[in-house]
C-alpha atoms as a PDB file:
ATOM      1  CA  MET A   1     -13.004  14.471 -14.055  1.00  0.00           C
ATOM      2  CA  SER A   2     -11.536  13.871 -17.470  1.00  0.00           C
ATOM      3  CA  ALA A   3     -12.962  11.094 -19.625  1.00  0.00           C
ATOM      4  CA  PRO A   4     -11.659   7.730 -18.364  1.00  0.00           C
ATOM      5  CA  LYS A   5     -10.235   4.759 -20.166  1.00  0.00           C
ATOM      6  CA  GLN A   6     -12.358   1.605 -19.963  1.00  0.00           C
ATOM      7  CA  PHE A   7     -11.759  -2.127 -19.945  1.00  0.00           C
ATOM      8  CA  THR A   8     -13.963  -5.180 -19.446  1.00  0.00           C
ATOM      9  CA  THR A   9     -13.298  -7.573 -16.596  1.00  0.00           C
ATOM     10  CA  SER A  10     -13.249 -11.356 -16.843  1.00  0.00           C
ATOM     11  CA  ASP A  11     -16.889 -11.408 -15.704  1.00  0.00           C
ATOM     12  CA  GLY A  12     -18.055  -8.813 -18.226  1.00  0.00           C
ATOM     13  CA  VAL A  13     -18.080  -5.607 -16.143  1.00  0.00           C
ATOM     14  CA  SER A  14     -16.875  -2.279 -17.577  1.00  0.00           C
ATOM     15  CA  ILE A  15     -14.321  -0.602 -15.309  1.00  0.00           C
ATOM     16  CA  ALA A  16     -13.240   3.023 -15.667  1.00  0.00           C
ATOM     17  CA  TYR A  17      -9.729   4.163 -14.880  1.00  0.00           C
ATOM     18  CA  SER A  18      -7.324   7.006 -15.482  1.00  0.00           C
ATOM     19  CA  ASP A  19      -3.812   6.487 -16.817  1.00  0.00           C
ATOM     20  CA  GLN A  20      -1.351   9.358 -16.998  1.00  0.00           C
ATOM     21  CA  GLY A  21       2.382   9.894 -17.040  1.00  0.00           C
ATOM     22  CA  ALA A  22       5.238   7.566 -17.871  1.00  0.00           C
ATOM     23  CA  GLY A  23       7.632   5.541 -15.774  1.00  0.00           C
ATOM     24  CA  PRO A  24       7.233   2.910 -13.059  1.00  0.00           C
ATOM     25  CA  ALA A  25       3.548   2.168 -12.446  1.00  0.00           C
ATOM     26  CA  VAL A  26       1.686   3.358  -9.345  1.00  0.00           C
ATOM     27  CA  LEU A  27      -1.827   1.922  -9.000  1.00  0.00           C
ATOM     28  CA  LEU A  28      -4.176   3.880  -6.716  1.00  0.00           C
ATOM     29  CA  LEU A  29      -7.065   2.033  -5.009  1.00  0.00           C
ATOM     30  CA  HIS A  30      -9.692   4.287  -3.433  1.00  0.00           C
ATOM     31  CA  GLY A  31     -11.825   3.760  -0.359  1.00  0.00           C
ATOM     32  CA  PHE A  32     -15.459   2.739   0.038  1.00  0.00           C
ATOM     33  CA  GLY A  33     -17.859   5.125  -1.681  1.00  0.00           C
ATOM     34  CA  CYS A  34     -15.041   7.131  -3.292  1.00  0.00           C
ATOM     35  CA  ASN A  35     -13.749   7.227  -6.875  1.00  0.00           C
ATOM     36  CA  ARG A  36     -10.544   7.769  -8.815  1.00  0.00           C
ATOM     37  CA  ALA A  37     -10.808  11.573  -8.558  1.00  0.00           C
ATOM     38  CA  HIS A  38     -10.239  11.361  -4.806  1.00  0.00           C
ATOM     39  CA  TRP A  39      -6.550  10.823  -5.626  1.00  0.00           C
ATOM     40  CA  ALA A  40      -6.328  14.311  -7.161  1.00  0.00           C
ATOM     41  CA  PHE A  41      -3.611  15.458  -4.740  1.00  0.00           C
ATOM     42  CA  GLN A  42      -1.418  12.470  -5.606  1.00  0.00           C
ATOM     43  CA  GLN A  43      -1.912  12.092  -9.354  1.00  0.00           C
ATOM     44  CA  GLY A  44      -0.156  15.249 -10.500  1.00  0.00           C
ATOM     45  CA  ALA A  45       2.621  15.001  -7.926  1.00  0.00           C
ATOM     46  CA  LEU A  46       3.424  11.421  -8.918  1.00  0.00           C
ATOM     47  CA  GLU A  47       3.327  12.188 -12.631  1.00  0.00           C
ATOM     48  CA  GLN A  48       5.701  15.121 -12.144  1.00  0.00           C
ATOM     49  CA  ALA A  49       8.022  12.841 -10.153  1.00  0.00           C
ATOM     50  CA  GLY A  50       8.332  10.507 -13.131  1.00  0.00           C
ATOM     51  CA  TYR A  51       5.706   7.839 -12.505  1.00  0.00           C
ATOM     52  CA  ARG A  52       2.905   6.334 -14.533  1.00  0.00           C
ATOM     53  CA  VAL A  53      -0.196   6.821 -12.405  1.00  0.00           C
ATOM     54  CA  LEU A  54      -3.292   4.636 -12.754  1.00  0.00           C
ATOM     55  CA  ALA A  55      -6.418   5.121 -10.649  1.00  0.00           C
ATOM     56  CA  MET A  56      -9.439   2.883 -11.126  1.00  0.00           C
ATOM     57  CA  ASP A  57     -13.067   3.266 -10.165  1.00  0.00           C
ATOM     58  CA  PHE A  58     -14.020   0.043  -8.426  1.00  0.00           C
ATOM     59  CA  ARG A  59     -17.209  -1.573  -9.677  1.00  0.00           C
ATOM     60  CA  PHE A  60     -20.228   0.137  -8.056  1.00  0.00           C
ATOM     61  CA  HIS A  61     -18.185   3.362  -7.904  1.00  0.00           C
ATOM     62  CA  GLY A  62     -17.561   6.361 -10.128  1.00  0.00           C
ATOM     63  CA  ASP A  63     -17.892   5.697 -13.853  1.00  0.00           C
ATOM     64  CA  SER A  64     -17.618   1.895 -13.568  1.00  0.00           C
ATOM     65  CA  ASP A  65     -20.558  -0.468 -13.966  1.00  0.00           C
ATOM     66  CA  SER A  66     -22.796  -1.414 -11.034  1.00  0.00           C
ATOM     67  CA  PRO A  67     -23.909  -4.968 -11.799  1.00  0.00           C
ATOM     68  CA  ASP A  68     -26.164  -7.117  -9.618  1.00  0.00           C
ATOM     69  CA  PHE A  69     -23.268  -9.446  -8.794  1.00  0.00           C
ATOM     70  CA  GLY A  70     -19.694  -9.373  -7.524  1.00  0.00           C
ATOM     71  CA  GLN A  71     -20.415  -7.468  -4.329  1.00  0.00           C
ATOM     72  CA  ARG A  72     -17.286  -8.822  -2.628  1.00  0.00           C
ATOM     73  CA  ILE A  73     -13.816  -7.533  -1.822  1.00  0.00           C
ATOM     74  CA  SER A  74     -12.354 -10.608  -3.522  1.00  0.00           C
ATOM     75  CA  ARG A  75     -14.128  -9.728  -6.798  1.00  0.00           C
ATOM     76  CA  LEU A  76     -12.785  -6.165  -6.639  1.00  0.00           C
ATOM     77  CA  ALA A  77      -9.329  -7.691  -6.193  1.00  0.00           C
ATOM     78  CA  MET A  78      -9.811  -9.753  -9.345  1.00  0.00           C
ATOM     79  CA  ASP A  79     -10.854  -6.571 -11.163  1.00  0.00           C
ATOM     80  CA  VAL A  80      -7.476  -5.140 -10.134  1.00  0.00           C
ATOM     81  CA  SER A  81      -5.821  -8.271 -11.514  1.00  0.00           C
ATOM     82  CA  ASP A  82      -7.773  -7.885 -14.761  1.00  0.00           C
ATOM     83  CA  LEU A  83      -6.611  -4.257 -15.091  1.00  0.00           C
ATOM     84  CA  ILE A  84      -2.986  -5.253 -14.488  1.00  0.00           C
ATOM     85  CA  GLU A  85      -3.285  -7.922 -17.161  1.00  0.00           C
ATOM     86  CA  HIS A  86      -5.110  -5.585 -19.540  1.00  0.00           C
ATOM     87  CA  GLU A  87      -2.367  -2.951 -19.298  1.00  0.00           C
ATOM     88  CA  GLN A  88       0.418  -5.565 -18.977  1.00  0.00           C
ATOM     89  CA  LEU A  89       1.761  -3.810 -15.884  1.00  0.00           C
ATOM     90  CA  SER A  90       4.805  -4.918 -13.939  1.00  0.00           C
ATOM     91  CA  ASP A  91       6.988  -3.476 -11.170  1.00  0.00           C
ATOM     92  CA  ILE A  92       3.847  -1.938  -9.646  1.00  0.00           C
ATOM     93  CA  THR A  93       3.486   0.052  -6.447  1.00  0.00           C
ATOM     94  CA  MET A  94      -0.039  -0.511  -5.117  1.00  0.00           C
ATOM     95  CA  VAL A  95      -1.414   2.315  -2.955  1.00  0.00           C
ATOM     96  CA  GLY A  96      -4.677   1.670  -1.106  1.00  0.00           C
ATOM     97  CA  HIS A  97      -6.774   3.844   1.167  1.00  0.00           C
ATOM     98  CA  SER A  98      -9.321   2.383   3.574  1.00  0.00           C
ATOM     99  CA  MET A  99     -11.255  -0.320   1.693  1.00  0.00           C
ATOM    100  CA  GLY A 100      -8.664  -0.049  -1.074  1.00  0.00           C
ATOM    101  CA  VAL A 101      -6.135  -1.559   1.355  1.00  0.00           C
ATOM    102  CA  SER A 102      -8.412  -4.550   1.854  1.00  0.00           C
ATOM    103  CA  VAL A 103      -8.737  -4.920  -1.912  1.00  0.00           C
ATOM    104  CA  GLY A 104      -4.957  -4.862  -2.169  1.00  0.00           C
ATOM    105  CA  LEU A 105      -4.574  -7.501   0.553  1.00  0.00           C
ATOM    106  CA  ALA A 106      -7.203  -9.641  -1.180  1.00  0.00           C
ATOM    107  CA  TYR A 107      -5.261  -9.295  -4.423  1.00  0.00           C
ATOM    108  CA  LEU A 108      -2.079 -10.458  -2.693  1.00  0.00           C
ATOM    109  CA  SER A 109      -3.951 -13.394  -1.174  1.00  0.00           C
ATOM    110  CA  LEU A 110      -5.495 -14.454  -4.488  1.00  0.00           C
ATOM    111  CA  VAL A 111      -2.800 -13.564  -7.014  1.00  0.00           C
ATOM    112  CA  GLY A 112       0.425 -13.139  -5.062  1.00  0.00           C
ATOM    113  CA  ALA A 113       3.116 -10.482  -5.170  1.00  0.00           C
ATOM    114  CA  ASP A 114       4.676 -11.289  -8.544  1.00  0.00           C
ATOM    115  CA  GLY A 115       4.923  -8.020 -10.466  1.00  0.00           C
ATOM    116  CA  LEU A 116       4.426  -5.951  -7.308  1.00  0.00           C
ATOM    117  CA  SER A 117       7.353  -3.885  -6.040  1.00  0.00           C
ATOM    118  CA  LYS A 118       5.853  -2.003  -3.078  1.00  0.00           C
ATOM    119  CA  PHE A 119       2.616  -1.757  -1.084  1.00  0.00           C
ATOM    120  CA  VAL A 120       1.145   1.288   0.688  1.00  0.00           C
ATOM    121  CA  ALA A 121      -1.703   0.907   3.206  1.00  0.00           C
ATOM    122  CA  ILE A 122      -3.484   4.087   4.355  1.00  0.00           C
ATOM    123  CA  ASP A 123      -5.542   3.723   7.548  1.00  0.00           C
ATOM    124  CA  GLN A 124      -7.129   0.310   7.243  1.00  0.00           C
ATOM    125  CA  SER A 125      -7.001  -2.641   9.616  1.00  0.00           C
ATOM    126  CA  PRO A 126      -6.935  -6.095   8.007  1.00  0.00           C
ATOM    127  CA  ARG A 127      -9.874  -6.941  10.275  1.00  0.00           C
ATOM    128  CA  ILE A 128     -12.790  -4.601  10.959  1.00  0.00           C
ATOM    129  CA  ILE A 129     -14.828  -6.438  13.594  1.00  0.00           C
ATOM    130  CA  ASN A 130     -13.496  -6.537  17.146  1.00  0.00           C
ATOM    131  CA  ASP A 131     -13.772  -9.713  19.206  1.00  0.00           C
ATOM    132  CA  PRO A 132     -11.874 -11.318  22.120  1.00  0.00           C
ATOM    133  CA  THR A 133      -8.928 -12.059  19.805  1.00  0.00           C
ATOM    134  CA  TRP A 134      -8.732  -8.705  17.976  1.00  0.00           C
ATOM    135  CA  ASN A 135      -9.050  -5.208  19.438  1.00  0.00           C
ATOM    136  CA  TRP A 136      -7.787  -3.163  16.486  1.00  0.00           C
ATOM    137  CA  GLY A 137     -10.768  -3.138  14.158  1.00  0.00           C
ATOM    138  CA  VAL A 138     -13.049  -0.144  13.641  1.00  0.00           C
ATOM    139  CA  ARG A 139     -13.741   1.536  16.962  1.00  0.00           C
ATOM    140  CA  GLY A 140     -16.974   0.306  18.489  1.00  0.00           C
ATOM    141  CA  VAL A 141     -17.691  -2.423  15.926  1.00  0.00           C
ATOM    142  CA  SER A 142     -18.322  -5.947  17.217  1.00  0.00           C
ATOM    143  CA  TRP A 143     -20.285  -8.981  16.087  1.00  0.00           C
ATOM    144  CA  PRO A 144     -23.309  -8.130  18.306  1.00  0.00           C
ATOM    145  CA  THR A 145     -23.494  -4.531  16.999  1.00  0.00           C
ATOM    146  CA  MET A 146     -22.395  -5.027  13.387  1.00  0.00           C
ATOM    147  CA  ARG A 147     -25.785  -5.648  11.764  1.00  0.00           C
ATOM    148  CA  ALA A 148     -27.375  -2.534  13.267  1.00  0.00           C
ATOM    149  CA  GLN A 149     -24.303  -0.503  12.335  1.00  0.00           C
ATOM    150  CA  LEU A 150     -24.460  -1.671   8.737  1.00  0.00           C
ATOM    151  CA  ASP A 151     -28.130  -0.709   8.642  1.00  0.00           C
ATOM    152  CA  GLY A 152     -27.332   2.773   9.946  1.00  0.00           C
ATOM    153  CA  GLU A 153     -29.267   2.264  13.182  1.00  0.00           C
ATOM    154  CA  VAL A 154     -26.185   2.405  15.433  1.00  0.00           C
ATOM    155  CA  GLY A 155     -23.100   4.568  14.998  1.00  0.00           C
ATOM    156  CA  TRP A 156     -19.572   3.260  14.622  1.00  0.00           C
ATOM    157  CA  GLY A 157     -16.096   4.693  14.811  1.00  0.00           C
ATOM    158  CA  ASP A 158     -15.453   7.941  16.688  1.00  0.00           C
ATOM    159  CA  PRO A 159     -16.253  10.759  14.214  1.00  0.00           C
ATOM    160  CA  GLY A 160     -15.396  13.404  16.789  1.00  0.00           C
ATOM    161  CA  ARG A 161     -11.733  12.496  16.430  1.00  0.00           C
ATOM    162  CA  GLU A 162     -11.606  13.529  12.754  1.00  0.00           C
ATOM    163  CA  PRO A 163      -9.992  16.975  12.316  1.00  0.00           C
ATOM    164  CA  VAL A 164     -11.751  19.642  10.283  1.00  0.00           C
ATOM    165  CA  PRO A 165     -10.394  19.242   6.743  1.00  0.00           C
ATOM    166  CA  PRO A 166      -8.519  22.123   5.096  1.00  0.00           C
ATOM    167  CA  ALA A 167     -10.356  24.171   2.492  1.00  0.00           C
ATOM    168  CA  SER A 168      -8.338  22.477  -0.265  1.00  0.00           C
ATOM    169  CA  VAL A 169      -9.811  19.098   0.738  1.00  0.00           C
ATOM    170  CA  LEU A 170     -13.364  20.443   0.644  1.00  0.00           C
ATOM    171  CA  GLU A 171     -12.692  21.851  -2.822  1.00  0.00           C
ATOM    172  CA  MET A 172     -11.308  18.504  -3.981  1.00  0.00           C
ATOM    173  CA  LEU A 173     -14.323  16.633  -2.614  1.00  0.00           C
ATOM    174  CA  ASP A 174     -16.676  19.042  -4.332  1.00  0.00           C
ATOM    175  CA  ALA A 175     -14.889  18.526  -7.649  1.00  0.00           C
ATOM    176  CA  ALA A 176     -14.741  14.749  -7.198  1.00  0.00           C
ATOM    177  CA  GLY A 177     -18.453  14.434  -6.495  1.00  0.00           C
ATOM    178  CA  GLY A 178     -18.306  13.597  -2.789  1.00  0.00           C
ATOM    179  CA  ILE A 179     -18.590  10.204  -1.128  1.00  0.00           C
ATOM    180  CA  VAL A 180     -21.491   7.855  -1.916  1.00  0.00           C
ATOM    181  CA  ASP A 181     -23.961   7.002   0.868  1.00  0.00           C
ATOM    182  CA  PHE A 182     -22.880   3.887   2.748  1.00  0.00           C
ATOM    183  CA  GLN A 183     -26.425   2.554   2.574  1.00  0.00           C
ATOM    184  CA  ALA A 184     -26.785   2.904  -1.195  1.00  0.00           C
ATOM    185  CA  SER A 185     -27.486  -0.331  -3.082  1.00  0.00           C
ATOM    186  CA  PRO A 186     -25.478  -2.290  -4.176  1.00  0.00           C
ATOM    187  CA  LEU A 187     -22.865  -0.826  -1.840  1.00  0.00           C
ATOM    188  CA  ALA A 188     -24.710  -2.200   1.202  1.00  0.00           C
ATOM    189  CA  ALA A 189     -23.848  -5.783   0.238  1.00  0.00           C
ATOM    190  CA  LEU A 190     -20.245  -4.840  -0.515  1.00  0.00           C
ATOM    191  CA  LYS A 191     -19.965  -3.097   2.843  1.00  0.00           C
ATOM    192  CA  LEU A 192     -21.145  -6.245   4.616  1.00  0.00           C
ATOM    193  CA  ASP A 193     -18.469  -8.304   2.887  1.00  0.00           C
ATOM    194  CA  HIS A 194     -15.868  -5.638   3.715  1.00  0.00           C
ATOM    195  CA  PHE A 195     -16.837  -5.726   7.396  1.00  0.00           C
ATOM    196  CA  VAL A 196     -16.735  -9.499   7.834  1.00  0.00           C
ATOM    197  CA  SER A 197     -13.600 -10.210   5.787  1.00  0.00           C
ATOM    198  CA  ASP A 198     -10.322 -10.969   7.561  1.00  0.00           C
ATOM    199  CA  TRP A 199      -7.028 -10.357   5.730  1.00  0.00           C
ATOM    200  CA  SER A 200      -4.765 -10.506   8.795  1.00  0.00           C
ATOM    201  CA  ASP A 201      -3.131 -13.746   7.630  1.00  0.00           C
ATOM    202  CA  VAL A 202      -1.900 -11.957   4.487  1.00  0.00           C
ATOM    203  CA  VAL A 203       0.133  -9.356   6.388  1.00  0.00           C
ATOM    204  CA  PRO A 204       2.933 -11.688   7.612  1.00  0.00           C
ATOM    205  CA  GLU A 205       3.325 -12.941   4.041  1.00  0.00           C
ATOM    206  CA  LEU A 206       3.871  -9.507   2.473  1.00  0.00           C
ATOM    207  CA  SER A 207       7.110 -10.008   0.568  1.00  0.00           C
ATOM    208  CA  VAL A 208       7.551  -6.414  -0.648  1.00  0.00           C
ATOM    209  CA  PRO A 209       8.403  -3.163   1.163  1.00  0.00           C
ATOM    210  CA  THR A 210       5.228  -2.021   2.908  1.00  0.00           C
ATOM    211  CA  TRP A 211       4.448   1.497   4.118  1.00  0.00           C
ATOM    212  CA  VAL A 212       1.612   1.741   6.642  1.00  0.00           C
ATOM    213  CA  VAL A 213       0.102   5.217   7.044  1.00  0.00           C
ATOM    214  CA  THR A 214      -2.360   6.560   9.588  1.00  0.00           C
ATOM    215  CA  GLY A 215      -3.455   9.805  11.202  1.00  0.00           C
ATOM    216  CA  ALA A 216      -2.961  10.558  14.878  1.00  0.00           C
ATOM    217  CA  HIS A 217      -6.697  11.309  15.084  1.00  0.00           C
ATOM    218  CA  SER A 218      -8.052   8.386  13.067  1.00  0.00           C
ATOM    219  CA  PRO A 219     -11.751   8.015  13.899  1.00  0.00           C
ATOM    220  CA  SER A 220     -11.650   4.419  12.724  1.00  0.00           C
ATOM    221  CA  PHE A 221      -8.573   2.532  13.888  1.00  0.00           C
ATOM    222  CA  PRO A 222      -6.435   2.516  17.039  1.00  0.00           C
ATOM    223  CA  LEU A 223      -2.771   3.309  16.556  1.00  0.00           C
ATOM    224  CA  GLU A 224      -1.836  -0.059  18.076  1.00  0.00           C
ATOM    225  CA  GLY A 225      -3.427  -1.840  15.114  1.00  0.00           C
ATOM    226  CA  MET A 226      -1.437   0.202  12.622  1.00  0.00           C
ATOM    227  CA  GLN A 227       1.708  -0.561  14.631  1.00  0.00           C
ATOM    228  CA  TRP A 228       0.839  -4.267  14.458  1.00  0.00           C
ATOM    229  CA  PHE A 229       0.383  -4.009  10.674  1.00  0.00           C
ATOM    230  CA  ALA A 230       3.749  -2.313  10.147  1.00  0.00           C
ATOM    231  CA  SER A 231       5.664  -4.576  12.531  1.00  0.00           C
ATOM    232  CA  THR A 232       4.071  -7.796  11.248  1.00  0.00           C
ATOM    233  CA  ALA A 233       4.741  -7.075   7.564  1.00  0.00           C
ATOM    234  CA  PRO A 234       8.291  -8.392   7.036  1.00  0.00           C
ATOM    235  CA  TYR A 235       9.460  -5.159   5.376  1.00  0.00           C
ATOM    236  CA  GLY A 236       7.034  -2.743   7.033  1.00  0.00           C
ATOM    237  CA  ARG A 237       7.368   0.818   8.215  1.00  0.00           C
ATOM    238  CA  LEU A 238       4.837   3.188   9.811  1.00  0.00           C
ATOM    239  CA  THR A 239       4.194   6.913   9.499  1.00  0.00           C
ATOM    240  CA  VAL A 240       1.684   8.759  11.695  1.00  0.00           C
ATOM    241  CA  TYR A 241       0.537  12.184  10.471  1.00  0.00           C
ATOM    242  CA  ALA A 242      -0.087  14.467  13.425  1.00  0.00           C
ATOM    243  CA  ASP A 243      -2.845  16.624  11.943  1.00  0.00           C
ATOM    244  CA  SER A 244      -4.881  13.965  10.164  1.00  0.00           C
ATOM    245  CA  GLY A 245      -7.591  11.410  10.819  1.00  0.00           C
ATOM    246  CA  HIS A 246      -8.679   8.786   8.307  1.00  0.00           C
ATOM    247  CA  CYS A 247      -7.271  10.586   5.242  1.00  0.00           C
ATOM    248  CA  PRO A 248      -3.712  11.873   5.732  1.00  0.00           C
ATOM    249  CA  HIS A 249      -3.206  11.791   1.952  1.00  0.00           C
ATOM    250  CA  TRP A 250      -5.851  14.543   1.824  1.00  0.00           C
ATOM    251  CA  ASN A 251      -5.353  16.601   4.971  1.00  0.00           C
ATOM    252  CA  GLU A 252      -1.554  16.619   4.790  1.00  0.00           C
ATOM    253  CA  HIS A 253      -1.131  15.859   1.128  1.00  0.00           C
ATOM    254  CA  SER A 254       2.105  17.811   0.627  1.00  0.00           C
ATOM    255  CA  ALA A 255       3.891  15.909   3.395  1.00  0.00           C
ATOM    256  CA  PHE A 256       2.294  12.626   2.350  1.00  0.00           C
ATOM    257  CA  ASN A 257       3.306  13.083  -1.298  1.00  0.00           C
ATOM    258  CA  ARG A 258       6.877  13.908  -0.290  1.00  0.00           C
ATOM    259  CA  ASP A 259       7.046  10.777   1.860  1.00  0.00           C
ATOM    260  CA  LEU A 260       5.365   8.613  -0.783  1.00  0.00           C
ATOM    261  CA  ILE A 261       7.842   9.688  -3.457  1.00  0.00           C
ATOM    262  CA  GLU A 262      10.707   9.011  -1.024  1.00  0.00           C
ATOM    263  CA  PHE A 263       9.286   5.545  -0.334  1.00  0.00           C
ATOM    264  CA  LEU A 264       8.911   4.820  -4.035  1.00  0.00           C
ATOM    265  CA  GLY A 265      12.543   5.694  -4.608  1.00  0.00           C
ATOM    266  CA  SER A 266      13.907   3.757  -1.647  1.00  0.00           C
END
């Protein structure tokens, strides 16, 4: 990765981010345990299409600080707000993958949609834990099993559904440094907050065009939940990528980039 830019959040944490290109701003929010380099397939394509592309490392990730506090999705959302203020961004398209979607929904809940033009949600339910009122969280995760799953004692999701990634994805992951262990401190506390948070009440209030993306073989989320997300967002649409699981922006990045650029221009 190239050397990042840095800024300091309102609670004194140094956050790393990349900033390339010129034009309308696209802000990329990575998933749990990932970093800004995991958007490698999108960054160049968006820049070439005439967009300013920003990708941040969330706190506890990549080149950002890992303090002993702020291990909450809501704090990560405020870090996003601090970055937007620091760079004086407006007319932003926010693109989240996995936990990055939850951070985006938290941002919308806390800050609102002023300055946001579009929202992209890649394979993330607004609720993770299944219960009698919600069947579209992560496969196999419930309140009785959640603690053991967080501790790594019991599996979750359906990993067998995930297609074998193309060689280009493996090369990208090798260059980006791979994905951090879910059990690594302080990520364990953040993961707990991610699991128990519920952003489903934000979805009906989304006041900007919203593109929901999933893979036909998602090991995490049932298709019905992604359909609910897209149909409940007032200006939602859904795309299902036939040869992907949790990461269609990796496995089918050419098709995803084409569709993303079309969405941005719509």
